[in-house]
């Protein structure tokens, strides 16, 4: 058998092996749908039906429909009696500046780390992303905030969140910046542009997909955080997850699963809105940041 004929036979074998049968594709699709329903559909259904029940029906959460839907009434109760509106504005005051500062400062640091490939900068990069695996020293942070007079304040909480999640932004953005041609920056320097102008007019607009992914992650972490806010704010400021933790331990939400689930639905709506606006850039941001 000639080499050309042998190569053709191997090619045909690969095509036969790689080709999936229609039955296999159908089974694969059915399994994917079943897994999706189990891990996403069932919890979501339990959340909705429990939030729409009365206290008597929701005392033992189950998958059954409520005899009488009172979802709007439960929303009204948690908004007014649960002081959710005040907690919402508290979360916004802390989350928005925390996310913006984290994205801007992290992008600036990532730009420098991506362009300077010396060994000292490699060590700096390793230290910068070490926050992904090393937990912050909460006691030390609390003592430092008390010394500088920021304990229990929104600026102190913002500073803590920026310090904690700066590593996440640096990790995502550094790899993406390395894919941007250096010639763009060199052309701007020839035209007389300084570092700040180069970053804000050339680099930052190109980081849209990656920053969209980082925005989702950082916002999710901060919006749902209870641990750090519980220790640092010490009850002097109310945030949504912290408020839920406090009222769930008090009389209002004690065994009132319908109110707890209604609170969770309302608290998740802003995150769903952010995801809806940035979903088209999330996947491209993840793959772009992992190129190098």
C-alpha atoms as a PDB file:
ATOM      1  CA  UNK A   1       0.000   0.000   0.000  1.00  0.00           C
ATOM      2  CA  UNK A   2       1.389   3.371  -0.997  1.00  0.00           C
ATOM      3  CA  UNK A   3       1.954   6.136   1.548  1.00  0.00           C
ATOM      4  CA  UNK A   4      -0.718   8.290  -0.091  1.00  0.00           C
ATOM      5  CA  UNK A   5      -3.307   5.513   0.128  1.00  0.00           C
ATOM      6  CA  UNK A   6      -2.346   4.760   3.736  1.00  0.00           C
ATOM      7  CA  UNK A   7      -2.724   8.439   4.660  1.00  0.00           C
ATOM      8  CA  UNK A   8      -6.162   8.544   3.030  1.00  0.00           C
ATOM      9  CA  UNK A   9      -7.272   5.484   5.041  1.00  0.00           C
ATOM     10  CA  UNK A  10      -6.141   7.109   8.309  1.00  0.00           C
ATOM     11  CA  UNK A  11      -7.988  10.298   7.402  1.00  0.00           C
ATOM     12  CA  UNK A  12     -11.184   8.360   6.732  1.00  0.00           C
ATOM     13  CA  UNK A  13     -10.781   6.543  10.064  1.00  0.00           C
ATOM     14  CA  UNK A  14     -10.449   9.844  11.938  1.00  0.00           C
ATOM     15  CA  UNK A  15     -13.536  11.223  10.232  1.00  0.00           C
ATOM     16  CA  UNK A  16     -15.476   8.070  11.137  1.00  0.00           C
ATOM     17  CA  UNK A  17     -14.318   8.188  14.779  1.00  0.00           C
ATOM     18  CA  UNK A  18     -14.973  11.916  15.268  1.00  0.00           C
ATOM     19  CA  UNK A  19     -18.403  11.855  13.667  1.00  0.00           C
ATOM     20  CA  UNK A  20     -21.141  11.524  16.290  1.00  0.00           C
ATOM     21  CA  UNK A  21     -24.281   9.575  15.630  1.00  0.00           C
ATOM     22  CA  UNK A  22     -27.627  11.402  15.782  1.00  0.00           C
ATOM     23  CA  UNK A  23     -28.640   9.171  18.713  1.00  0.00           C
ATOM     24  CA  UNK A  24     -25.533  10.182  20.663  1.00  0.00           C
ATOM     25  CA  UNK A  25     -26.242  13.881  20.099  1.00  0.00           C
ATOM     26  CA  UNK A  26     -29.832  13.435  21.266  1.00  0.00           C
ATOM     27  CA  UNK A  27     -28.726  11.613  24.431  1.00  0.00           C
ATOM     28  CA  UNK A  28     -26.097  14.298  25.106  1.00  0.00           C
ATOM     29  CA  UNK A  29     -28.701  17.051  24.750  1.00  0.00           C
ATOM     30  CA  UNK A  30     -31.183  15.270  27.007  1.00  0.00           C
ATOM     31  CA  UNK A  31     -28.547  14.749  29.706  1.00  0.00           C
ATOM     32  CA  UNK A  32     -27.512  18.413  29.517  1.00  0.00           C
ATOM     33  CA  UNK A  33     -31.132  19.545  29.911  1.00  0.00           C
ATOM     34  CA  UNK A  34     -31.700  17.188  32.859  1.00  0.00           C
ATOM     35  CA  UNK A  35     -28.551  18.440  34.636  1.00  0.00           C
ATOM     36  CA  UNK A  36     -29.598  22.037  33.981  1.00  0.00           C
ATOM     37  CA  UNK A  37     -33.051  21.425  35.442  1.00  0.00           C
ATOM     38  CA  UNK A  38     -31.674  19.670  38.520  1.00  0.00           C
ATOM     39  CA  UNK A  39     -28.991  22.199  39.429  1.00  0.00           C
ATOM     40  CA  UNK A  40     -30.720  25.416  38.310  1.00  0.00           C
ATOM     41  CA  UNK A  41     -34.412  24.816  37.745  1.00  0.00           C
ATOM     42  CA  UNK A  42     -35.194  23.047  41.018  1.00  0.00           C
ATOM     43  CA  UNK A  43     -33.568  25.641  43.346  1.00  0.00           C
ATOM     44  CA  UNK A  44     -35.103  28.490  41.348  1.00  0.00           C
ATOM     45  CA  UNK A  45     -38.557  26.887  41.513  1.00  0.00           C
ATOM     46  CA  UNK A  46     -38.228  26.304  45.268  1.00  0.00           C
ATOM     47  CA  UNK A  47     -37.199  29.933  45.723  1.00  0.00           C
ATOM     48  CA  UNK A  48     -40.163  31.324  43.793  1.00  0.00           C
ATOM     49  CA  UNK A  49     -42.914  29.114  45.228  1.00  0.00           C
ATOM     50  CA  UNK A  50     -41.695  29.533  48.813  1.00  0.00           C
ATOM     51  CA  UNK A  51     -41.519  33.318  48.453  1.00  0.00           C
ATOM     52  CA  UNK A  52     -45.125  33.294  47.271  1.00  0.00           C
ATOM     53  CA  UNK A  53     -46.536  31.288  50.187  1.00  0.00           C
ATOM     54  CA  UNK A  54     -47.946  32.284  53.530  1.00  0.00           C
ATOM     55  CA  UNK A  55     -46.099  31.656  56.780  1.00  0.00           C
ATOM     56  CA  UNK A  56     -48.095  28.517  57.550  1.00  0.00           C
ATOM     57  CA  UNK A  57     -47.388  26.961  54.160  1.00  0.00           C
ATOM     58  CA  UNK A  58     -43.712  27.989  54.089  1.00  0.00           C
ATOM     59  CA  UNK A  59     -42.849  26.718  57.568  1.00  0.00           C
ATOM     60  CA  UNK A  60     -41.522  23.579  55.858  1.00  0.00           C
ATOM     61  CA  UNK A  61     -40.211  24.553  52.384  1.00  0.00           C
ATOM     62  CA  UNK A  62     -41.235  22.186  49.590  1.00  0.00           C
ATOM     63  CA  UNK A  63     -41.857  22.162  45.845  1.00  0.00           C
ATOM     64  CA  UNK A  64     -45.648  22.469  45.983  1.00  0.00           C
ATOM     65  CA  UNK A  65     -47.474  25.527  44.687  1.00  0.00           C
ATOM     66  CA  UNK A  66     -48.989  27.928  47.234  1.00  0.00           C
ATOM     67  CA  UNK A  67     -52.730  27.716  47.719  1.00  0.00           C
ATOM     68  CA  UNK A  68     -52.858  31.512  47.413  1.00  0.00           C
ATOM     69  CA  UNK A  69     -50.027  33.558  45.876  1.00  0.00           C
ATOM     70  CA  UNK A  70     -48.924  36.434  48.083  1.00  0.00           C
ATOM     71  CA  UNK A  71     -45.566  37.199  46.499  1.00  0.00           C
ATOM     72  CA  UNK A  72     -46.232  40.935  46.243  1.00  0.00           C
ATOM     73  CA  UNK A  73     -47.381  41.095  49.851  1.00  0.00           C
ATOM     74  CA  UNK A  74     -44.200  39.387  50.989  1.00  0.00           C
ATOM     75  CA  UNK A  75     -42.128  41.815  48.926  1.00  0.00           C
ATOM     76  CA  UNK A  76     -43.902  44.718  50.592  1.00  0.00           C
ATOM     77  CA  UNK A  77     -43.269  43.254  54.045  1.00  0.00           C
ATOM     78  CA  UNK A  78     -39.527  42.845  53.553  1.00  0.00           C
ATOM     79  CA  UNK A  79     -39.192  46.269  51.958  1.00  0.00           C
ATOM     80  CA  UNK A  80     -40.904  48.103  54.815  1.00  0.00           C
ATOM     81  CA  UNK A  81     -40.668  45.992  57.965  1.00  0.00           C
ATOM     82  CA  UNK A  82     -37.315  44.473  57.063  1.00  0.00           C
ATOM     83  CA  UNK A  83     -35.762  47.902  56.388  1.00  0.00           C
ATOM     84  CA  UNK A  84     -34.553  46.645  53.034  1.00  0.00           C
ATOM     85  CA  UNK A  85     -34.681  50.037  51.318  1.00  0.00           C
ATOM     86  CA  UNK A  86     -32.166  51.563  53.751  1.00  0.00           C
ATOM     87  CA  UNK A  87     -29.959  48.492  53.422  1.00  0.00           C
ATOM     88  CA  UNK A  88     -30.151  48.729  49.618  1.00  0.00           C
ATOM     89  CA  UNK A  89     -28.802  52.273  49.573  1.00  0.00           C
ATOM     90  CA  UNK A  90     -26.102  51.235  52.034  1.00  0.00           C
ATOM     91  CA  UNK A  91     -25.016  48.436  49.687  1.00  0.00           C
ATOM     92  CA  UNK A  92     -25.009  50.818  46.716  1.00  0.00           C
ATOM     93  CA  UNK A  93     -22.898  53.370  48.603  1.00  0.00           C
ATOM     94  CA  UNK A  94     -20.303  50.691  49.371  1.00  0.00           C
ATOM     95  CA  UNK A  95     -20.463  48.549  46.220  1.00  0.00           C
ATOM     96  CA  UNK A  96     -20.323  51.180  43.450  1.00  0.00           C
ATOM     97  CA  UNK A  97     -17.147  53.009  44.560  1.00  0.00           C
ATOM     98  CA  UNK A  98     -15.529  49.728  45.577  1.00  0.00           C
ATOM     99  CA  UNK A  99     -16.062  48.213  42.124  1.00  0.00           C
ATOM    100  CA  UNK A 100     -15.007  51.368  40.248  1.00  0.00           C
ATOM    101  CA  UNK A 101     -11.824  51.861  42.272  1.00  0.00           C
ATOM    102  CA  UNK A 102     -10.953  48.177  42.031  1.00  0.00           C
ATOM    103  CA  UNK A 103     -11.373  48.155  38.243  1.00  0.00           C
ATOM    104  CA  UNK A 104      -9.437  51.376  37.629  1.00  0.00           C
ATOM    105  CA  UNK A 105      -6.574  50.738  40.057  1.00  0.00           C
ATOM    106  CA  UNK A 106      -6.352  47.072  39.074  1.00  0.00           C
ATOM    107  CA  UNK A 107      -6.259  47.940  35.357  1.00  0.00           C
ATOM    108  CA  UNK A 108      -3.506  50.518  35.894  1.00  0.00           C
ATOM    109  CA  UNK A 109      -1.423  48.049  37.875  1.00  0.00           C
ATOM    110  CA  UNK A 110      -2.051  45.297  35.309  1.00  0.00           C
ATOM    111  CA  UNK A 111      -0.889  47.593  32.488  1.00  0.00           C
ATOM    112  CA  UNK A 112       2.464  48.176  34.183  1.00  0.00           C
ATOM    113  CA  UNK A 113       2.874  44.512  35.111  1.00  0.00           C
ATOM    114  CA  UNK A 114       2.045  43.388  31.568  1.00  0.00           C
ATOM    115  CA  UNK A 115       4.488  45.746  29.846  1.00  0.00           C
ATOM    116  CA  UNK A 116       7.466  45.286  32.155  1.00  0.00           C
ATOM    117  CA  UNK A 117       8.674  41.694  31.972  1.00  0.00           C
ATOM    118  CA  UNK A 118      11.707  41.870  34.254  1.00  0.00           C
ATOM    119  CA  UNK A 119      12.232  39.366  37.057  1.00  0.00           C
ATOM    120  CA  UNK A 120      11.491  41.903  39.830  1.00  0.00           C
ATOM    121  CA  UNK A 121       8.188  42.750  38.119  1.00  0.00           C
ATOM    122  CA  UNK A 122       7.404  39.035  37.868  1.00  0.00           C
ATOM    123  CA  UNK A 123       7.817  38.805  41.640  1.00  0.00           C
ATOM    124  CA  UNK A 124       5.599  41.861  42.077  1.00  0.00           C
ATOM    125  CA  UNK A 125       2.968  40.229  39.851  1.00  0.00           C
ATOM    126  CA  UNK A 126       3.069  37.030  41.911  1.00  0.00           C
ATOM    127  CA  UNK A 127       2.599  39.046  45.092  1.00  0.00           C
ATOM    128  CA  UNK A 128      -0.211  41.050  43.473  1.00  0.00           C
ATOM    129  CA  UNK A 129      -2.280  37.987  42.626  1.00  0.00           C
ATOM    130  CA  UNK A 130      -1.470  36.178  45.875  1.00  0.00           C
ATOM    131  CA  UNK A 131      -4.658  37.671  47.283  1.00  0.00           C
ATOM    132  CA  UNK A 132      -6.597  35.131  45.231  1.00  0.00           C
ATOM    133  CA  UNK A 133      -5.542  32.344  47.581  1.00  0.00           C
ATOM    134  CA  UNK A 134      -4.349  34.103  50.740  1.00  0.00           C
ATOM    135  CA  UNK A 135      -7.143  35.319  53.043  1.00  0.00           C
ATOM    136  CA  UNK A 136      -6.786  38.815  54.506  1.00  0.00           C
ATOM    137  CA  UNK A 137      -5.977  39.233  58.190  1.00  0.00           C
ATOM    138  CA  UNK A 138      -9.343  40.468  59.438  1.00  0.00           C
ATOM    139  CA  UNK A 139      -8.165  41.277  62.966  1.00  0.00           C
ATOM    140  CA  UNK A 140      -5.231  43.327  61.670  1.00  0.00           C
ATOM    141  CA  UNK A 141      -7.493  45.180  59.231  1.00  0.00           C
ATOM    142  CA  UNK A 142      -9.969  45.978  62.011  1.00  0.00           C
ATOM    143  CA  UNK A 143      -7.242  47.340  64.265  1.00  0.00           C
ATOM    144  CA  UNK A 144      -5.795  49.442  61.443  1.00  0.00           C
ATOM    145  CA  UNK A 145      -9.196  50.945  60.625  1.00  0.00           C
ATOM    146  CA  UNK A 146      -9.755  51.817  64.276  1.00  0.00           C
ATOM    147  CA  UNK A 147      -6.367  53.532  64.453  1.00  0.00           C
ATOM    148  CA  UNK A 148      -7.040  55.714  61.397  1.00  0.00           C
ATOM    149  CA  UNK A 149     -10.666  56.362  62.418  1.00  0.00           C
ATOM    150  CA  UNK A 150     -12.400  54.538  59.541  1.00  0.00           C
ATOM    151  CA  UNK A 151     -13.862  51.620  61.492  1.00  0.00           C
ATOM    152  CA  UNK A 152     -17.593  51.234  60.925  1.00  0.00           C
ATOM    153  CA  UNK A 153     -17.633  53.707  58.018  1.00  0.00           C
ATOM    154  CA  UNK A 154     -18.365  53.383  54.296  1.00  0.00           C
ATOM    155  CA  UNK A 155     -14.887  54.671  53.226  1.00  0.00           C
ATOM    156  CA  UNK A 156     -13.249  52.087  55.474  1.00  0.00           C
ATOM    157  CA  UNK A 157     -15.391  49.313  54.013  1.00  0.00           C
ATOM    158  CA  UNK A 158     -14.622  50.498  50.476  1.00  0.00           C
ATOM    159  CA  UNK A 159     -10.888  50.459  51.212  1.00  0.00           C
ATOM    160  CA  UNK A 160     -11.107  46.904  52.534  1.00  0.00           C
ATOM    161  CA  UNK A 161     -12.992  45.643  49.481  1.00  0.00           C
ATOM    162  CA  UNK A 162     -10.573  47.350  47.086  1.00  0.00           C
ATOM    163  CA  UNK A 163      -7.626  45.759  48.844  1.00  0.00           C
ATOM    164  CA  UNK A 164      -9.226  42.313  48.868  1.00  0.00           C
ATOM    165  CA  UNK A 165     -10.403  42.128  45.249  1.00  0.00           C
ATOM    166  CA  UNK A 166      -7.613  44.057  43.542  1.00  0.00           C
ATOM    167  CA  UNK A 167      -5.890  40.740  42.896  1.00  0.00           C
ATOM    168  CA  UNK A 168      -8.876  39.461  40.932  1.00  0.00           C
ATOM    169  CA  UNK A 169      -8.803  42.394  38.506  1.00  0.00           C
ATOM    170  CA  UNK A 170      -5.014  42.235  38.082  1.00  0.00           C
ATOM    171  CA  UNK A 171      -5.202  38.524  37.323  1.00  0.00           C
ATOM    172  CA  UNK A 172      -7.884  38.957  34.644  1.00  0.00           C
ATOM    173  CA  UNK A 173      -6.559  42.108  32.998  1.00  0.00           C
ATOM    174  CA  UNK A 174      -2.820  41.394  32.837  1.00  0.00           C
ATOM    175  CA  UNK A 175      -3.124  38.537  30.369  1.00  0.00           C
ATOM    176  CA  UNK A 176      -5.495  40.514  28.164  1.00  0.00           C
ATOM    177  CA  UNK A 177      -3.211  43.565  28.006  1.00  0.00           C
ATOM    178  CA  UNK A 178      -0.341  41.364  26.797  1.00  0.00           C
ATOM    179  CA  UNK A 179      -2.390  40.650  23.670  1.00  0.00           C
ATOM    180  CA  UNK A 180      -2.683  44.377  22.836  1.00  0.00           C
ATOM    181  CA  UNK A 181       0.040  45.464  20.360  1.00  0.00           C
ATOM    182  CA  UNK A 182       2.686  47.682  21.912  1.00  0.00           C
ATOM    183  CA  UNK A 183       2.806  49.632  18.640  1.00  0.00           C
ATOM    184  CA  UNK A 184      -0.424  51.405  19.597  1.00  0.00           C
ATOM    185  CA  UNK A 185       1.228  52.884  22.668  1.00  0.00           C
ATOM    186  CA  UNK A 186       4.436  53.726  20.798  1.00  0.00           C
ATOM    187  CA  UNK A 187       2.467  55.636  18.160  1.00  0.00           C
ATOM    188  CA  UNK A 188       0.702  57.607  20.896  1.00  0.00           C
ATOM    189  CA  UNK A 189       4.023  58.432  22.568  1.00  0.00           C
ATOM    190  CA  UNK A 190       5.379  59.726  19.264  1.00  0.00           C
ATOM    191  CA  UNK A 191       2.342  62.038  19.073  1.00  0.00           C
ATOM    192  CA  UNK A 192       3.245  63.385  22.517  1.00  0.00           C
ATOM    193  CA  UNK A 193       0.738  61.470  24.674  1.00  0.00           C
ATOM    194  CA  UNK A 194       1.679  60.846  28.301  1.00  0.00           C
ATOM    195  CA  UNK A 195       1.087  57.637  30.303  1.00  0.00           C
ATOM    196  CA  UNK A 196      -2.264  58.786  31.690  1.00  0.00           C
ATOM    197  CA  UNK A 197      -3.605  59.734  28.267  1.00  0.00           C
ATOM    198  CA  UNK A 198      -2.360  56.473  26.724  1.00  0.00           C
ATOM    199  CA  UNK A 199      -4.074  54.432  29.409  1.00  0.00           C
ATOM    200  CA  UNK A 200      -7.435  56.207  29.397  1.00  0.00           C
ATOM    201  CA  UNK A 201      -7.715  56.751  25.627  1.00  0.00           C
ATOM    202  CA  UNK A 202      -6.123  53.577  24.240  1.00  0.00           C
ATOM    203  CA  UNK A 203      -5.757  50.798  26.827  1.00  0.00           C
ATOM    204  CA  UNK A 204      -8.885  51.237  28.939  1.00  0.00           C
ATOM    205  CA  UNK A 205     -11.387  51.254  26.010  1.00  0.00           C
ATOM    206  CA  UNK A 206      -9.895  47.954  24.773  1.00  0.00           C
ATOM    207  CA  UNK A 207     -10.439  46.281  28.145  1.00  0.00           C
ATOM    208  CA  UNK A 208     -14.231  46.214  27.851  1.00  0.00           C
ATOM    209  CA  UNK A 209     -14.734  42.405  27.649  1.00  0.00           C
ATOM    210  CA  UNK A 210     -12.299  41.631  30.456  1.00  0.00           C
ATOM    211  CA  UNK A 211     -13.570  44.419  32.702  1.00  0.00           C
ATOM    212  CA  UNK A 212     -17.134  43.176  32.151  1.00  0.00           C
ATOM    213  CA  UNK A 213     -16.133  39.791  33.532  1.00  0.00           C
ATOM    214  CA  UNK A 214     -14.251  41.349  36.429  1.00  0.00           C
ATOM    215  CA  UNK A 215     -17.223  43.612  37.172  1.00  0.00           C
ATOM    216  CA  UNK A 216     -19.551  40.633  37.491  1.00  0.00           C
ATOM    217  CA  UNK A 217     -17.197  38.767  39.824  1.00  0.00           C
ATOM    218  CA  UNK A 218     -16.249  41.701  42.049  1.00  0.00           C
ATOM    219  CA  UNK A 219     -19.835  42.965  42.281  1.00  0.00           C
ATOM    220  CA  UNK A 220     -21.049  39.477  43.158  1.00  0.00           C
ATOM    221  CA  UNK A 221     -18.458  39.122  45.911  1.00  0.00           C
ATOM    222  CA  UNK A 222     -19.109  42.553  47.442  1.00  0.00           C
ATOM    223  CA  UNK A 223     -22.903  42.575  47.074  1.00  0.00           C
ATOM    224  CA  UNK A 224     -23.285  39.216  48.840  1.00  0.00           C
ATOM    225  CA  UNK A 225     -20.573  39.665  51.460  1.00  0.00           C
ATOM    226  CA  UNK A 226     -21.505  39.153  55.099  1.00  0.00           C
ATOM    227  CA  UNK A 227     -18.237  38.098  56.706  1.00  0.00           C
ATOM    228  CA  UNK A 228     -16.116  41.224  56.285  1.00  0.00           C
ATOM    229  CA  UNK A 229     -18.978  43.693  56.732  1.00  0.00           C
ATOM    230  CA  UNK A 230     -20.053  41.943  59.939  1.00  0.00           C
ATOM    231  CA  UNK A 231     -16.668  42.487  61.583  1.00  0.00           C
ATOM    232  CA  UNK A 232     -15.676  45.825  60.078  1.00  0.00           C
ATOM    233  CA  UNK A 233     -18.962  47.749  60.153  1.00  0.00           C
ATOM    234  CA  UNK A 234     -19.906  46.404  63.611  1.00  0.00           C
ATOM    235  CA  UNK A 235     -23.568  47.310  63.177  1.00  0.00           C
ATOM    236  CA  UNK A 236     -22.851  50.990  62.441  1.00  0.00           C
ATOM    237  CA  UNK A 237     -23.984  50.652  58.817  1.00  0.00           C
ATOM    238  CA  UNK A 238     -26.555  48.393  57.183  1.00  0.00           C
ATOM    239  CA  UNK A 239     -25.944  46.434  53.968  1.00  0.00           C
ATOM    240  CA  UNK A 240     -28.354  44.029  52.265  1.00  0.00           C
ATOM    241  CA  UNK A 241     -26.716  40.686  53.182  1.00  0.00           C
ATOM    242  CA  UNK A 242     -25.785  41.973  56.637  1.00  0.00           C
ATOM    243  CA  UNK A 243     -29.325  43.196  57.180  1.00  0.00           C
ATOM    244  CA  UNK A 244     -30.690  39.796  56.143  1.00  0.00           C
ATOM    245  CA  UNK A 245     -28.306  38.111  58.571  1.00  0.00           C
ATOM    246  CA  UNK A 246     -29.413  40.375  61.411  1.00  0.00           C
ATOM    247  CA  UNK A 247     -33.161  40.206  60.839  1.00  0.00           C
ATOM    248  CA  UNK A 248     -33.060  36.451  60.157  1.00  0.00           C
ATOM    249  CA  UNK A 249     -31.686  36.040  63.666  1.00  0.00           C
ATOM    250  CA  UNK A 250     -34.371  38.286  65.153  1.00  0.00           C
ATOM    251  CA  UNK A 251     -38.110  37.861  65.508  1.00  0.00           C
ATOM    252  CA  UNK A 252     -39.242  39.116  62.099  1.00  0.00           C
ATOM    253  CA  UNK A 253     -37.754  36.354  59.952  1.00  0.00           C
ATOM    254  CA  UNK A 254     -37.489  33.615  62.570  1.00  0.00           C
ATOM    255  CA  UNK A 255     -38.793  30.516  60.715  1.00  0.00           C
ATOM    256  CA  UNK A 256     -40.457  32.843  58.186  1.00  0.00           C
ATOM    257  CA  UNK A 257     -38.967  31.233  55.100  1.00  0.00           C
ATOM    258  CA  UNK A 258     -41.388  33.028  52.797  1.00  0.00           C
ATOM    259  CA  UNK A 259     -39.945  36.396  53.873  1.00  0.00           C
ATOM    260  CA  UNK A 260     -36.344  35.189  53.706  1.00  0.00           C
ATOM    261  CA  UNK A 261     -36.818  33.863  50.169  1.00  0.00           C
ATOM    262  CA  UNK A 262     -38.625  37.039  49.109  1.00  0.00           C
ATOM    263  CA  UNK A 263     -35.713  39.071  50.482  1.00  0.00           C
ATOM    264  CA  UNK A 264     -33.241  36.942  48.509  1.00  0.00           C
ATOM    265  CA  UNK A 265     -35.177  37.473  45.269  1.00  0.00           C
ATOM    266  CA  UNK A 266     -35.209  41.258  45.681  1.00  0.00           C
ATOM    267  CA  UNK A 267     -31.553  41.317  46.693  1.00  0.00           C
ATOM    268  CA  UNK A 268     -30.588  39.347  43.558  1.00  0.00           C
ATOM    269  CA  UNK A 269     -32.417  41.576  41.058  1.00  0.00           C
ATOM    270  CA  UNK A 270     -29.604  44.181  40.723  1.00  0.00           C
ATOM    271  CA  UNK A 271     -27.087  41.415  40.037  1.00  0.00           C
ATOM    272  CA  UNK A 272     -29.352  39.953  37.352  1.00  0.00           C
ATOM    273  CA  UNK A 273     -29.642  43.385  35.747  1.00  0.00           C
ATOM    274  CA  UNK A 274     -25.849  43.806  35.673  1.00  0.00           C
ATOM    275  CA  UNK A 275     -25.436  40.326  34.202  1.00  0.00           C
ATOM    276  CA  UNK A 276     -28.034  41.032  31.515  1.00  0.00           C
ATOM    277  CA  UNK A 277     -26.139  44.138  30.353  1.00  0.00           C
ATOM    278  CA  UNK A 278     -22.677  42.538  30.374  1.00  0.00           C
ATOM    279  CA  UNK A 279     -23.341  38.908  29.404  1.00  0.00           C
ATOM    280  CA  UNK A 280     -22.230  39.376  25.790  1.00  0.00           C
ATOM    281  CA  UNK A 281     -18.713  40.308  26.950  1.00  0.00           C
ATOM    282  CA  UNK A 282     -18.246  37.828  29.781  1.00  0.00           C
ATOM    283  CA  UNK A 283     -17.072  34.794  27.801  1.00  0.00           C
ATOM    284  CA  UNK A 284     -14.781  36.840  25.569  1.00  0.00           C
ATOM    285  CA  UNK A 285     -13.323  38.459  28.674  1.00  0.00           C
ATOM    286  CA  UNK A 286     -12.579  35.118  30.300  1.00  0.00           C
ATOM    287  CA  UNK A 287     -10.905  33.672  27.202  1.00  0.00           C
ATOM    288  CA  UNK A 288      -9.064  36.908  26.457  1.00  0.00           C
ATOM    289  CA  UNK A 289      -7.574  37.097  29.927  1.00  0.00           C
ATOM    290  CA  UNK A 290      -6.380  33.507  29.715  1.00  0.00           C
ATOM    291  CA  UNK A 291      -4.492  33.834  26.433  1.00  0.00           C
ATOM    292  CA  UNK A 292      -1.099  34.366  28.042  1.00  0.00           C
END
